[in-house]
Amino acid sequence: MSTRELVTAFPRLWRYCLGLTQRRAEADDLAQAACLQALENFTLFQAHPARDRWLIRVARNLWLNQLKADRVRQGGGLVPVDRIDLQDLSPSPEGDTFAAQVFAAVMDLPEAQRDTVLLAYVEGFSYKETAEILDIPIGTVMSRLADARRKLAVLNHETAVHADRVSKGRERHGQV
């Protein structure tokens, strides 16, 4: 992998790392560690036909190793969604709310589904590429995504029902 390829792949790698770590500083560290490993193992990266996927897989493995080490040392793990350190780039309050709800819902998915959703839907990898990165069969990718879509649809339905009840309650009390 040339340094030009690393520079090109870095934004995608960093977004994925942010999805894993949920904190900017940790995403920076993780992405940099993955790039460092790519440079240290230059001949292995050069030989791999899908270098961007290989780099993301390296980042994922580094993250999983870090989680294991943290659990051993501190009993910690993933951070609750409400403590995520993200800059808000949405143009409107409605967009902010919707983006926060979607992100929170994705982050509340079980880890295997969340990881699969981040790779396939956020980073745009194909099902086959996602399966290669996660080292699982493509059928498992499809199953995890289907399960995640069902869970997100239920949440979306519950949110809509709640909003409808609030709106009807305001109408009854003349607050509209």
C-alpha atoms as a PDB file:
ATOM      1  CA  MET A   1       0.000   0.000   0.000  1.00  0.00           C
ATOM      2  CA  SER A   2       1.525   3.261  -1.020  1.00  0.00           C
ATOM      3  CA  THR A   3       1.316   6.336   1.161  1.00  0.00           C
ATOM      4  CA  ARG A   4      -1.053   7.813  -1.450  1.00  0.00           C
ATOM      5  CA  GLU A   5      -3.392   4.844  -0.985  1.00  0.00           C
ATOM      6  CA  LEU A   6      -3.224   5.310   2.788  1.00  0.00           C
ATOM      7  CA  VAL A   7      -4.118   8.985   2.450  1.00  0.00           C
ATOM      8  CA  THR A   8      -7.035   8.115   0.154  1.00  0.00           C
ATOM      9  CA  ALA A   9      -8.294   5.356   2.457  1.00  0.00           C
ATOM     10  CA  PHE A  10      -7.846   7.321   5.686  1.00  0.00           C
ATOM     11  CA  PRO A  11     -11.219   9.201   5.805  1.00  0.00           C
ATOM     12  CA  ARG A  12     -13.152   5.965   5.339  1.00  0.00           C
ATOM     13  CA  LEU A  13     -10.927   4.193   7.856  1.00  0.00           C
ATOM     14  CA  TRP A  14     -11.350   7.013  10.365  1.00  0.00           C
ATOM     15  CA  ARG A  15     -15.168   7.023  10.031  1.00  0.00           C
ATOM     16  CA  TYR A  16     -15.212   3.301  10.679  1.00  0.00           C
ATOM     17  CA  CYS A  17     -12.903   3.749  13.665  1.00  0.00           C
ATOM     18  CA  LEU A  18     -15.216   6.476  14.990  1.00  0.00           C
ATOM     19  CA  GLY A  19     -18.143   4.087  14.682  1.00  0.00           C
ATOM     20  CA  LEU A  20     -16.226   1.524  16.711  1.00  0.00           C
ATOM     21  CA  THR A  21     -14.770   3.787  19.377  1.00  0.00           C
ATOM     22  CA  GLN A  22     -17.491   6.473  19.481  1.00  0.00           C
ATOM     23  CA  ARG A  23     -14.881   9.078  20.442  1.00  0.00           C
ATOM     24  CA  ARG A  24     -12.824  11.276  18.167  1.00  0.00           C
ATOM     25  CA  ALA A  25      -9.535  10.949  20.024  1.00  0.00           C
ATOM     26  CA  GLU A  26      -9.804   7.168  20.198  1.00  0.00           C
ATOM     27  CA  ALA A  27     -10.795   7.034  16.514  1.00  0.00           C
ATOM     28  CA  ASP A  28      -7.688   9.077  15.679  1.00  0.00           C
ATOM     29  CA  ASP A  29      -5.501   6.710  17.679  1.00  0.00           C
ATOM     30  CA  LEU A  30      -7.064   3.583  16.213  1.00  0.00           C
ATOM     31  CA  ALA A  31      -6.864   4.807  12.612  1.00  0.00           C
ATOM     32  CA  GLN A  32      -3.254   5.866  13.115  1.00  0.00           C
ATOM     33  CA  ALA A  33      -2.379   2.496  14.671  1.00  0.00           C
ATOM     34  CA  ALA A  34      -3.909   0.717  11.671  1.00  0.00           C
ATOM     35  CA  CYS A  35      -1.921   2.912   9.274  1.00  0.00           C
ATOM     36  CA  LEU A  36       1.242   2.314  11.270  1.00  0.00           C
ATOM     37  CA  GLN A  37       0.683  -1.423  11.031  1.00  0.00           C
ATOM     38  CA  ALA A  38       0.155  -1.040   7.286  1.00  0.00           C
ATOM     39  CA  LEU A  39       3.480   0.743   6.958  1.00  0.00           C
ATOM     40  CA  GLU A  40       5.290  -1.714   9.221  1.00  0.00           C
ATOM     41  CA  ASN A  41       3.966  -4.631   7.154  1.00  0.00           C
ATOM     42  CA  PHE A  42       4.370  -2.912   3.816  1.00  0.00           C
ATOM     43  CA  THR A  43       5.032  -6.076   1.803  1.00  0.00           C
ATOM     44  CA  LEU A  44       1.916  -7.807   3.169  1.00  0.00           C
ATOM     45  CA  PHE A  45      -0.255  -4.813   2.304  1.00  0.00           C
ATOM     46  CA  GLN A  46       1.266  -4.519  -1.166  1.00  0.00           C
ATOM     47  CA  ALA A  47       0.367  -8.141  -1.857  1.00  0.00           C
ATOM     48  CA  HIS A  48      -3.279  -7.840  -0.747  1.00  0.00           C
ATOM     49  CA  PRO A  49      -5.674  -7.124  -3.658  1.00  0.00           C
ATOM     50  CA  ALA A  50      -8.242  -5.233  -1.524  1.00  0.00           C
ATOM     51  CA  ARG A  51      -6.011  -3.009   0.567  1.00  0.00           C
ATOM     52  CA  ASP A  52      -8.751  -0.735   1.916  1.00  0.00           C
ATOM     53  CA  ARG A  53     -10.692  -3.718   3.273  1.00  0.00           C
ATOM     54  CA  TRP A  54      -7.499  -5.164   4.720  1.00  0.00           C
ATOM     55  CA  LEU A  55      -6.784  -1.877   6.462  1.00  0.00           C
ATOM     56  CA  ILE A  56     -10.287  -1.768   7.980  1.00  0.00           C
ATOM     57  CA  ARG A  57      -9.904  -5.353   9.099  1.00  0.00           C
ATOM     58  CA  VAL A  58      -6.621  -4.426  10.800  1.00  0.00           C
ATOM     59  CA  ALA A  59      -8.382  -1.550  12.593  1.00  0.00           C
ATOM     60  CA  ARG A  60     -11.197  -3.855  13.696  1.00  0.00           C
ATOM     61  CA  ASN A  61      -8.754  -6.422  15.043  1.00  0.00           C
ATOM     62  CA  LEU A  62      -6.801  -3.717  16.871  1.00  0.00           C
ATOM     63  CA  TRP A  63     -10.063  -2.443  18.391  1.00  0.00           C
ATOM     64  CA  LEU A  64     -11.172  -5.900  19.492  1.00  0.00           C
ATOM     65  CA  ASN A  65      -7.777  -6.488  21.069  1.00  0.00           C
ATOM     66  CA  GLN A  66      -8.037  -3.145  22.857  1.00  0.00           C
ATOM     67  CA  LEU A  67     -11.526  -3.996  24.149  1.00  0.00           C
ATOM     68  CA  LYS A  68     -10.277  -7.306  25.487  1.00  0.00           C
ATOM     69  CA  ALA A  69      -7.351  -5.599  27.195  1.00  0.00           C
ATOM     70  CA  ASP A  70      -9.655  -2.938  28.683  1.00  0.00           C
ATOM     71  CA  ARG A  71     -12.053  -5.557  29.994  1.00  0.00           C
ATOM     72  CA  VAL A  72      -9.211  -7.378  31.673  1.00  0.00           C
ATOM     73  CA  ARG A  73      -7.793  -4.185  33.197  1.00  0.00           C
ATOM     74  CA  GLN A  74     -10.943  -2.231  34.032  1.00  0.00           C
ATOM     75  CA  GLY A  75     -14.009  -4.305  33.334  1.00  0.00           C
ATOM     76  CA  GLY A  76     -14.969  -1.668  30.741  1.00  0.00           C
ATOM     77  CA  GLY A  77     -16.142  -1.906  27.157  1.00  0.00           C
ATOM     78  CA  LEU A  78     -18.316   0.154  24.869  1.00  0.00           C
ATOM     79  CA  VAL A  79     -19.454   3.619  25.902  1.00  0.00           C
ATOM     80  CA  PRO A  80     -23.162   4.491  26.286  1.00  0.00           C
ATOM     81  CA  VAL A  81     -24.575   6.346  23.283  1.00  0.00           C
ATOM     82  CA  ASP A  82     -25.341   9.502  25.282  1.00  0.00           C
ATOM     83  CA  ARG A  83     -21.609   9.939  26.020  1.00  0.00           C
ATOM     84  CA  ILE A  84     -20.467   9.873  22.389  1.00  0.00           C
ATOM     85  CA  ASP A  85     -18.164  12.762  21.453  1.00  0.00           C
ATOM     86  CA  LEU A  86     -19.314  13.819  17.969  1.00  0.00           C
ATOM     87  CA  GLN A  87     -19.423  17.186  16.262  1.00  0.00           C
ATOM     88  CA  ASP A  88     -22.893  18.039  15.016  1.00  0.00           C
ATOM     89  CA  LEU A  89     -22.904  18.898  11.297  1.00  0.00           C
ATOM     90  CA  SER A  90     -26.671  18.760  10.615  1.00  0.00           C
ATOM     91  CA  PRO A  91     -28.222  21.848   9.051  1.00  0.00           C
ATOM     92  CA  SER A  92     -31.437  21.909  11.103  1.00  0.00           C
ATOM     93  CA  PRO A  93     -32.778  20.969  14.539  1.00  0.00           C
ATOM     94  CA  GLU A  94     -35.040  18.368  12.928  1.00  0.00           C
ATOM     95  CA  GLY A  95     -32.066  16.894  11.089  1.00  0.00           C
ATOM     96  CA  ASP A  96     -30.063  16.931  14.308  1.00  0.00           C
ATOM     97  CA  THR A  97     -32.774  15.050  16.154  1.00  0.00           C
ATOM     98  CA  PHE A  98     -33.298  12.515  13.399  1.00  0.00           C
ATOM     99  CA  ALA A  99     -29.549  11.886  12.938  1.00  0.00           C
ATOM    100  CA  ALA A 100     -29.096  11.498  16.696  1.00  0.00           C
ATOM    101  CA  GLN A 101     -32.010   9.057  16.862  1.00  0.00           C
ATOM    102  CA  VAL A 102     -30.698   6.980  13.960  1.00  0.00           C
ATOM    103  CA  PHE A 103     -27.163   6.964  15.330  1.00  0.00           C
ATOM    104  CA  ALA A 104     -28.383   6.054  18.806  1.00  0.00           C
ATOM    105  CA  ALA A 105     -30.509   3.249  17.379  1.00  0.00           C
ATOM    106  CA  VAL A 106     -27.589   1.850  15.386  1.00  0.00           C
ATOM    107  CA  MET A 107     -25.286   2.082  18.400  1.00  0.00           C
ATOM    108  CA  ASP A 108     -27.886   0.227  20.503  1.00  0.00           C
ATOM    109  CA  LEU A 109     -27.796  -2.766  18.150  1.00  0.00           C
ATOM    110  CA  PRO A 110     -25.877  -5.821  19.325  1.00  0.00           C
ATOM    111  CA  GLU A 111     -22.175  -5.465  18.517  1.00  0.00           C
ATOM    112  CA  ALA A 112     -22.168  -7.949  15.620  1.00  0.00           C
ATOM    113  CA  GLN A 113     -25.129  -6.234  13.929  1.00  0.00           C
ATOM    114  CA  ARG A 114     -23.744  -2.750  14.617  1.00  0.00           C
ATOM    115  CA  ASP A 115     -20.382  -3.648  13.088  1.00  0.00           C
ATOM    116  CA  THR A 116     -22.075  -5.123  10.021  1.00  0.00           C
ATOM    117  CA  VAL A 117     -24.359  -2.086   9.597  1.00  0.00           C
ATOM    118  CA  LEU A 118     -21.403   0.303   9.883  1.00  0.00           C
ATOM    119  CA  LEU A 119     -19.471  -1.532   7.178  1.00  0.00           C
ATOM    120  CA  ALA A 120     -22.312  -2.224   4.745  1.00  0.00           C
ATOM    121  CA  TYR A 121     -24.554   0.824   5.126  1.00  0.00           C
ATOM    122  CA  VAL A 122     -22.295   3.567   6.452  1.00  0.00           C
ATOM    123  CA  GLU A 123     -19.048   2.711   4.679  1.00  0.00           C
ATOM    124  CA  GLY A 124     -20.744   1.262   1.615  1.00  0.00           C
ATOM    125  CA  PHE A 125     -18.911  -2.042   1.403  1.00  0.00           C
ATOM    126  CA  SER A 126     -20.712  -4.769  -0.539  1.00  0.00           C
ATOM    127  CA  TYR A 127     -22.051  -7.755   1.347  1.00  0.00           C
ATOM    128  CA  LYS A 128     -19.160  -9.830   0.013  1.00  0.00           C
ATOM    129  CA  GLU A 129     -16.591  -7.239   1.105  1.00  0.00           C
ATOM    130  CA  THR A 130     -18.234  -6.931   4.517  1.00  0.00           C
ATOM    131  CA  ALA A 131     -18.114 -10.716   4.899  1.00  0.00           C
ATOM    132  CA  GLU A 132     -14.413 -10.713   4.036  1.00  0.00           C
ATOM    133  CA  ILE A 133     -13.625  -7.927   6.500  1.00  0.00           C
ATOM    134  CA  LEU A 134     -15.530  -9.615   9.327  1.00  0.00           C
ATOM    135  CA  ASP A 135     -14.343 -13.078   8.293  1.00  0.00           C
ATOM    136  CA  ILE A 136     -17.878 -14.475   8.250  1.00  0.00           C
ATOM    137  CA  PRO A 137     -20.047 -16.082   5.537  1.00  0.00           C
ATOM    138  CA  ILE A 138     -22.005 -13.717   3.297  1.00  0.00           C
ATOM    139  CA  GLY A 139     -25.238 -15.331   4.534  1.00  0.00           C
ATOM    140  CA  THR A 140     -24.368 -14.212   8.058  1.00  0.00           C
ATOM    141  CA  VAL A 141     -23.902 -10.644   6.787  1.00  0.00           C
ATOM    142  CA  MET A 142     -27.319 -10.770   5.139  1.00  0.00           C
ATOM    143  CA  SER A 143     -28.898 -12.227   8.272  1.00  0.00           C
ATOM    144  CA  ARG A 144     -27.332  -9.620  10.563  1.00  0.00           C
ATOM    145  CA  LEU A 145     -28.444  -6.791   8.288  1.00  0.00           C
ATOM    146  CA  ALA A 146     -31.977  -8.171   8.059  1.00  0.00           C
ATOM    147  CA  ASP A 147     -32.160  -8.473  11.848  1.00  0.00           C
ATOM    148  CA  ALA A 148     -30.790  -4.951  12.261  1.00  0.00           C
ATOM    149  CA  ARG A 149     -33.334  -3.550   9.775  1.00  0.00           C
ATOM    150  CA  ARG A 150     -36.160  -5.262  11.699  1.00  0.00           C
ATOM    151  CA  LYS A 151     -34.948  -3.830  15.010  1.00  0.00           C
ATOM    152  CA  LEU A 152     -34.557  -0.357  13.526  1.00  0.00           C
ATOM    153  CA  ALA A 153     -38.014  -0.566  11.920  1.00  0.00           C
ATOM    154  CA  VAL A 154     -39.569  -1.472  15.289  1.00  0.00           C
ATOM    155  CA  LEU A 155     -37.822   1.501  16.886  1.00  0.00           C
ATOM    156  CA  ASN A 156     -38.987   3.765  14.049  1.00  0.00           C
ATOM    157  CA  HIS A 157     -42.570   2.551  14.503  1.00  0.00           C
ATOM    158  CA  GLU A 158     -42.425   3.062  18.283  1.00  0.00           C
ATOM    159  CA  THR A 159     -41.029   6.582  17.804  1.00  0.00           C
ATOM    160  CA  ALA A 160     -43.798   7.442  15.323  1.00  0.00           C
ATOM    161  CA  VAL A 161     -46.507   6.096  17.670  1.00  0.00           C
ATOM    162  CA  HIS A 162     -45.066   8.125  20.562  1.00  0.00           C
ATOM    163  CA  ALA A 163     -44.930  11.309  18.446  1.00  0.00           C
ATOM    164  CA  ASP A 164     -48.532  10.747  17.331  1.00  0.00           C
ATOM    165  CA  ARG A 165     -49.705  10.348  20.953  1.00  0.00           C
ATOM    166  CA  VAL A 166     -47.895  13.523  22.002  1.00  0.00           C
ATOM    167  CA  SER A 167     -49.425  15.430  19.087  1.00  0.00           C
ATOM    168  CA  LYS A 168     -52.955  14.177  19.881  1.00  0.00           C
ATOM    169  CA  GLY A 169     -52.483  15.053  23.543  1.00  0.00           C
ATOM    170  CA  ARG A 170     -51.555  18.629  22.601  1.00  0.00           C
ATOM    171  CA  GLU A 171     -54.595  18.891  20.312  1.00  0.00           C
ATOM    172  CA  ARG A 172     -56.912  17.778  23.141  1.00  0.00           C
ATOM    173  CA  HIS A 173     -55.505  20.420  25.452  1.00  0.00           C
ATOM    174  CA  GLY A 174     -55.553  23.194  22.847  1.00  0.00           C
ATOM    175  CA  GLN A 175     -51.777  23.489  22.679  1.00  0.00           C
ATOM    176  CA  VAL A 176     -51.440  23.230  18.914  1.00  0.00           C
END
